[in-house]
Protein backbone atom coordinates (compact mmCIF):
# COMPACT_ATOMS: atom_id res chain seq x y z
CA MET A 1 14.26 -51.89 3.16
CA ALA A 2 10.95 -51.80 5.04
CA ASN A 3 12.73 -51.42 8.40
CA SER A 4 14.97 -48.61 7.15
CA THR A 5 11.93 -46.77 5.78
CA THR A 6 10.03 -46.92 9.05
CA LYS A 7 13.08 -45.73 11.02
CA THR A 8 13.66 -42.64 8.90
CA SER A 9 12.30 -39.35 10.16
CA PHE A 10 8.94 -37.96 9.14
CA PHE A 11 10.71 -35.12 7.30
CA LEU A 12 12.86 -37.48 5.21
CA ARG A 13 9.85 -39.63 4.32
CA HIS A 14 7.89 -36.57 3.16
CA GLU A 15 10.73 -34.26 2.16
CA PHE A 16 9.44 -33.75 -1.39
CA ALA A 17 6.08 -32.35 -0.23
CA ILE A 18 7.39 -30.49 2.84
CA ARG A 19 10.03 -28.55 0.92
CA ARG A 20 7.46 -27.46 -1.64
CA PHE A 21 5.02 -26.45 1.08
CA HIS A 22 7.85 -24.57 2.80
CA SER A 23 8.69 -22.60 -0.35
CA LEU A 24 5.02 -21.92 -1.11
CA ILE A 25 4.35 -20.47 2.35
CA GLY A 26 7.43 -18.28 1.97
CA ILE A 27 5.75 -16.62 -1.03
CA VAL A 28 2.05 -16.86 -0.07
CA PRO A 29 1.14 -15.66 2.48
CA LEU A 30 4.46 -14.44 3.95
CA GLY A 31 6.04 -12.83 0.90
CA LEU A 32 2.77 -11.27 -0.22
CA TYR A 33 2.15 -9.88 3.25
CA MET A 34 5.66 -8.42 3.40
CA VAL A 35 5.13 -6.54 0.14
CA ILE A 36 1.79 -5.15 1.38
CA HIS A 37 3.23 -4.30 4.80
CA LEU A 38 6.25 -2.44 3.42
CA THR A 39 4.11 -0.58 0.88
CA THR A 40 1.68 0.45 3.62
CA ASN A 41 4.50 1.73 5.82
CA ALA A 42 6.06 3.58 2.89
CA SER A 43 2.75 5.44 2.46
CA LEU A 44 3.71 7.43 5.56
CA LEU A 45 6.03 9.41 3.28
CA ASN A 46 2.90 10.72 1.60
CA SER A 47 1.16 11.84 4.78
CA THR A 48 0.11 10.82 8.27
CA GLU A 49 -3.48 10.66 7.04
CA THR A 50 -2.65 8.18 4.27
CA PHE A 51 -0.84 5.84 6.65
CA GLN A 52 -3.46 6.09 9.39
CA ARG A 53 -6.31 5.35 6.96
CA ALA A 54 -4.48 2.20 5.84
CA VAL A 55 -4.06 1.07 9.45
CA TYR A 56 -7.73 1.78 10.16
CA MET A 57 -8.65 -0.42 7.20
CA ILE A 58 -6.57 -3.29 8.60
CA HIS A 59 -8.06 -2.96 12.08
CA SER A 60 -11.60 -2.71 10.76
CA ALA A 61 -11.53 -6.53 10.87
CA GLY A 62 -12.24 -6.15 14.57
CA LYS A 63 -12.43 -9.41 16.54
CA ALA A 64 -11.41 -11.40 13.45
CA LEU A 65 -8.03 -9.64 13.34
CA PRO A 66 -6.24 -12.05 15.77
CA ILE A 67 -7.48 -14.99 13.69
CA ILE A 68 -6.16 -13.35 10.53
CA GLU A 69 -2.83 -12.52 12.20
CA TRP A 70 -2.21 -15.99 13.61
CA GLY A 71 -3.69 -17.95 10.72
CA GLY A 72 -2.22 -15.88 7.92
CA ILE A 73 1.01 -14.49 9.39
CA PHE A 74 2.33 -15.80 12.71
CA ALA A 75 1.63 -19.54 12.30
CA PRO A 76 3.04 -19.64 8.73
CA LEU A 77 6.05 -17.63 9.94
CA LEU A 78 6.72 -20.12 12.74
CA PHE A 79 6.46 -23.08 10.36
CA HIS A 80 8.59 -21.47 7.65
CA GLY A 81 11.16 -20.22 10.15
CA ILE A 82 11.57 -23.40 12.20
CA LEU A 83 11.79 -25.60 9.11
CA GLY A 84 14.13 -23.06 7.52
CA ILE A 85 16.49 -23.32 10.49
CA TRP A 86 16.52 -27.11 10.09
CA ILE A 87 17.28 -26.75 6.38
CA ALA A 88 20.03 -24.19 7.04
CA LYS A 89 21.55 -26.38 9.76
CA ASN A 90 21.77 -29.35 7.41
CA ALA A 91 22.85 -27.34 4.36
CA LYS A 92 26.24 -28.27 2.93
CA LEU A 93 27.83 -24.95 2.03
CA ASN A 94 30.81 -25.16 -0.31
CA THR A 95 31.42 -21.51 -1.19
CA SER A 96 35.04 -21.75 -0.01
CA GLN A 97 35.77 -24.53 -2.51
CA TYR A 98 33.49 -23.44 -5.38
CA ARG A 99 33.03 -19.69 -5.72
CA PHE A 100 30.19 -19.87 -8.21
CA THR A 101 27.40 -17.30 -8.08
CA SER A 102 24.79 -20.01 -7.52
CA ASN A 103 26.76 -21.34 -4.56
CA ARG A 104 27.01 -17.88 -3.00
CA ARG A 105 23.29 -17.30 -3.53
CA TYR A 106 22.59 -20.65 -1.87
CA ALA A 107 24.65 -19.60 1.16
CA TRP A 108 23.21 -16.08 1.31
CA GLN A 109 19.67 -17.49 1.18
CA ARG A 110 20.39 -19.48 4.34
CA TRP A 111 22.13 -16.64 6.19
CA THR A 112 19.57 -14.00 5.27
CA GLY A 113 16.83 -16.42 6.31
CA ILE A 114 18.30 -16.67 9.80
CA ILE A 115 18.83 -12.90 10.02
CA ALA A 116 15.29 -12.28 8.76
CA LEU A 117 13.80 -14.70 11.29
CA VAL A 118 15.59 -13.04 14.23
CA TYR A 119 14.56 -9.64 12.90
CA LEU A 120 10.90 -10.59 12.46
CA PHE A 121 10.62 -12.12 15.92
CA MET A 122 12.12 -8.97 17.46
CA HIS A 123 10.07 -6.69 15.21
CA ILE A 124 6.79 -8.29 16.25
CA TRP A 125 7.84 -8.20 19.91
CA HIS A 126 9.03 -4.59 19.66
CA MET A 127 5.92 -3.29 17.92
CA HIS A 128 3.10 -5.63 18.95
CA GLY A 129 4.36 -7.78 21.80
CA TRP A 130 3.19 -11.06 20.17
CA PHE A 131 0.31 -11.48 22.66
CA HIS A 132 -2.40 -8.97 23.66
CA PHE A 133 -2.60 -10.12 27.26
CA GLY A 134 -2.83 -7.42 29.95
CA PRO A 135 -0.45 -8.73 32.66
CA TYR A 136 2.07 -9.79 30.01
CA LEU A 137 1.94 -6.36 28.37
CA ASP A 138 2.41 -4.73 31.77
CA VAL A 139 5.75 -6.57 32.03
CA ILE A 140 7.15 -5.91 28.56
CA ARG A 141 6.01 -2.33 28.02
CA PRO A 142 8.42 -0.91 30.62
CA LEU A 143 11.11 -2.57 28.45
CA GLN A 144 9.74 -0.46 25.56
CA MET A 145 8.24 -3.45 23.79
CA ALA A 146 4.73 -3.59 22.29
CA SER A 147 5.20 0.12 21.60
CA PHE A 148 3.02 0.46 18.49
CA ARG A 149 -0.54 1.73 18.86
CA PRO A 150 -2.69 1.28 15.74
CA TYR A 151 -4.87 4.32 16.44
CA ASN A 152 -1.72 6.46 16.78
CA ALA A 153 0.11 4.60 14.05
CA ALA A 154 2.54 7.17 12.65
CA SER A 155 3.52 8.82 15.93
CA THR A 156 4.10 5.60 17.88
CA LEU A 157 6.01 4.09 14.95
CA ALA A 158 8.34 7.09 14.87
CA GLU A 159 8.66 7.16 18.67
CA SER A 160 9.59 3.48 18.76
CA MET A 161 12.52 4.13 16.42
CA ASN A 162 13.93 6.67 18.90
CA GLN A 163 14.06 4.21 21.78
CA TRP A 164 17.34 2.81 23.11
CA GLY A 165 19.37 5.85 22.13
CA GLY A 166 17.78 6.50 18.75
CA PHE A 167 20.30 4.50 16.72
CA VAL A 168 19.93 0.87 17.83
CA TRP A 169 16.51 0.25 16.30
CA PRO A 170 17.10 2.12 13.01
CA ALA A 171 20.28 0.09 12.40
CA PHE A 172 18.59 -3.16 13.42
CA TYR A 173 15.59 -2.51 11.15
CA LEU A 174 17.78 -1.53 8.21
CA VAL A 175 19.73 -4.79 8.33
CA GLY A 176 16.57 -6.79 8.96
CA ILE A 177 14.45 -5.45 6.12
CA LEU A 178 17.29 -5.77 3.61
CA ALA A 179 17.77 -9.40 4.67
CA CYS A 180 14.02 -9.99 4.23
CA VAL A 181 14.05 -8.40 0.77
CA TYR A 182 16.96 -10.52 -0.44
CA HIS A 183 15.50 -13.68 1.09
CA LEU A 184 12.18 -13.13 -0.69
CA ALA A 185 13.61 -12.02 -4.05
CA ASN A 186 16.11 -14.87 -4.23
CA GLY A 187 13.50 -17.20 -2.76
CA LEU A 188 11.25 -16.61 -5.77
CA TRP A 189 14.05 -17.91 -7.97
CA THR A 190 14.78 -20.96 -5.81
CA ALA A 191 11.05 -21.71 -5.39
CA GLY A 192 10.68 -21.86 -9.17
CA ILE A 193 13.42 -24.48 -9.28
CA THR A 194 11.86 -26.40 -6.39
CA TRP A 195 8.51 -26.46 -8.17
CA GLY A 196 10.05 -27.27 -11.55
CA LEU A 197 8.97 -24.00 -13.18
CA TRP A 198 12.42 -23.18 -14.57
CA ILE A 199 14.81 -26.07 -14.97
CA SER A 200 16.94 -25.29 -18.00
CA PRO A 201 19.90 -22.87 -17.67
CA ALA A 202 18.21 -20.42 -20.05
CA ALA A 203 14.97 -20.44 -18.06
CA GLN A 204 16.88 -19.98 -14.81
CA ALA A 205 18.78 -17.03 -16.30
CA ARG A 206 15.52 -15.34 -17.28
CA ALA A 207 13.99 -16.02 -13.88
CA SER A 208 17.11 -14.62 -12.23
CA LYS A 209 16.68 -11.32 -14.08
CA VAL A 210 13.05 -11.11 -12.97
CA SER A 211 14.08 -11.78 -9.37
CA VAL A 212 16.75 -9.05 -9.53
CA VAL A 213 14.25 -6.48 -10.84
CA PHE A 214 11.68 -7.50 -8.23
CA GLY A 215 14.33 -7.27 -5.50
CA ALA A 216 15.46 -3.82 -6.68
CA VAL A 217 11.90 -2.45 -6.68
CA LEU A 218 11.15 -3.97 -3.28
CA THR A 219 14.41 -2.55 -1.90
CA VAL A 220 13.28 0.96 -2.87
CA ILE A 221 9.93 0.39 -1.17
CA ALA A 222 11.59 -1.10 1.92
CA LEU A 223 14.06 1.78 2.27
CA SER A 224 11.20 4.25 1.84
CA ALA A 225 9.29 2.52 4.64
CA TRP A 226 12.40 2.53 6.82
CA TRP A 227 13.09 6.21 6.21
CA ALA A 228 9.46 7.15 6.86
CA ALA A 229 9.79 5.55 10.31
CA VAL A 230 13.22 6.87 11.33
CA ALA A 231 13.22 10.38 9.84
CA PRO A 232 10.51 12.16 11.93
CA GLY A 233 11.72 14.27 14.84
CA PRO A 234 9.88 15.30 18.05
CA GLU A 235 8.06 18.17 16.31
CA ASP A 236 6.94 15.85 13.52
CA VAL A 237 5.68 13.33 16.08
CA ALA A 238 3.67 16.04 17.85
CA ASN A 239 2.05 17.06 14.55
CA MET A 240 1.32 13.40 13.77
CA ARG A 241 -0.37 12.99 17.16
CA THR A 242 -2.63 16.00 16.53
CA ILE A 243 -3.73 14.60 13.16
CA GLU A 244 -4.28 11.11 14.62
CA ASP A 245 -6.43 12.46 17.47
CA ARG A 246 -8.61 14.35 14.99
CA MET A 247 -8.92 11.30 12.72
CA TYR A 248 -9.73 9.06 15.68
CA LYS A 249 -12.67 11.21 16.76
CA ALA A 250 -14.02 11.50 13.22
CA ASN A 251 -13.71 7.78 12.44
CA VAL A 252 -15.31 6.70 15.72
CA GLU A 253 -18.26 9.02 15.05
CA ALA A 254 -18.54 7.68 11.49
CA GLY A 255 -18.51 4.08 12.73
CA VAL A 256 -15.37 3.19 10.77
CA ILE A 257 -13.57 2.01 13.92
CA SER A 258 -14.62 1.08 17.43
CA ASP A 259 -13.80 3.28 20.41
CA LEU A 260 -10.93 1.21 21.86
CA PRO A 261 -8.65 3.27 24.15
CA GLU A 262 -6.17 0.37 24.44
CA LYS A 263 -5.29 0.88 20.77
CA ARG A 264 -4.28 4.48 21.41
CA SER A 265 -0.99 5.76 22.73
CA ALA A 266 -0.54 5.76 26.49
CA ALA A 267 0.30 9.44 26.12
CA VAL A 268 -3.24 10.15 24.88
CA THR A 269 -5.54 10.71 27.84
CA PRO A 270 -9.06 12.14 27.76
CA ASP A 271 -7.64 15.50 28.86
CA THR A 272 -4.93 15.63 26.20
CA ALA A 273 -7.29 14.37 23.52
CA ALA A 274 -9.85 17.04 24.39
CA ALA A 275 -7.15 19.69 24.39
CA SER A 276 -5.86 18.61 20.97
CA GLU A 277 -9.38 18.67 19.55
CA THR A 278 -9.93 22.27 20.70
CA ASP A 279 -6.61 23.28 19.16
CA VAL A 280 -7.55 21.97 15.70
CA PRO A 281 -9.96 24.08 13.59
CA SER A 282 -13.23 22.28 13.01
CA ASP A 283 -12.98 22.60 9.23
CA GLN A 284 -9.75 20.56 9.01
């Protein structure tokens, strides 16, 4: 017995704790961040100003932002995703033999997890590039990656959706965010079982209803965020850029943000910025 225990893998020897840690990270910080992120993006439907102010607030962390991103988002995502792939690979799906709802949800949780992971890796690469390293960015930006600029948040978000023909990214993001929403909503239900919060059939039925309502609300928010990104046309983007340039000047002067040209769109040069400022009435 002692020999068999020492020969088993680290995961099998600590499976009880690892699975609970895996489910916890999926909710906090990843699930919580996803809700905040989608809600922030959906605020673009209200106005460019609303969305840009939210982005300014995030980037007011300054030099601490990479630590927050890697400690609170990217590292947990890598752990949750890699372990999730291992779990999905070793999952014994039996939906063809037993067509119960719980079996289908078990299978969908695995499939949506894989889809969500691919989507998130591509989303981060597409918008942020993963690493803020000059020579690396010089290579990927001609491929239209790392296309988001936080100080031109609305306009560069909308422009990025029109890359690659204007239909590839909207379709990709639609599938990806819906997979993320299902994976989180159903994950709340499965995490409660993992942690022993709802064990009886009656408790699981109640928790299932809560998860469905949460998933429905989050779907509305997610679709709003998606539409806010894909709906603007070239004229809308131009108007967004004018508003962003005005807000940038005002917030730099107020000390809300630092004057960091690398966080602005490549299309914004000193000449174009000066021109846009003279075009906007000073009382706006």
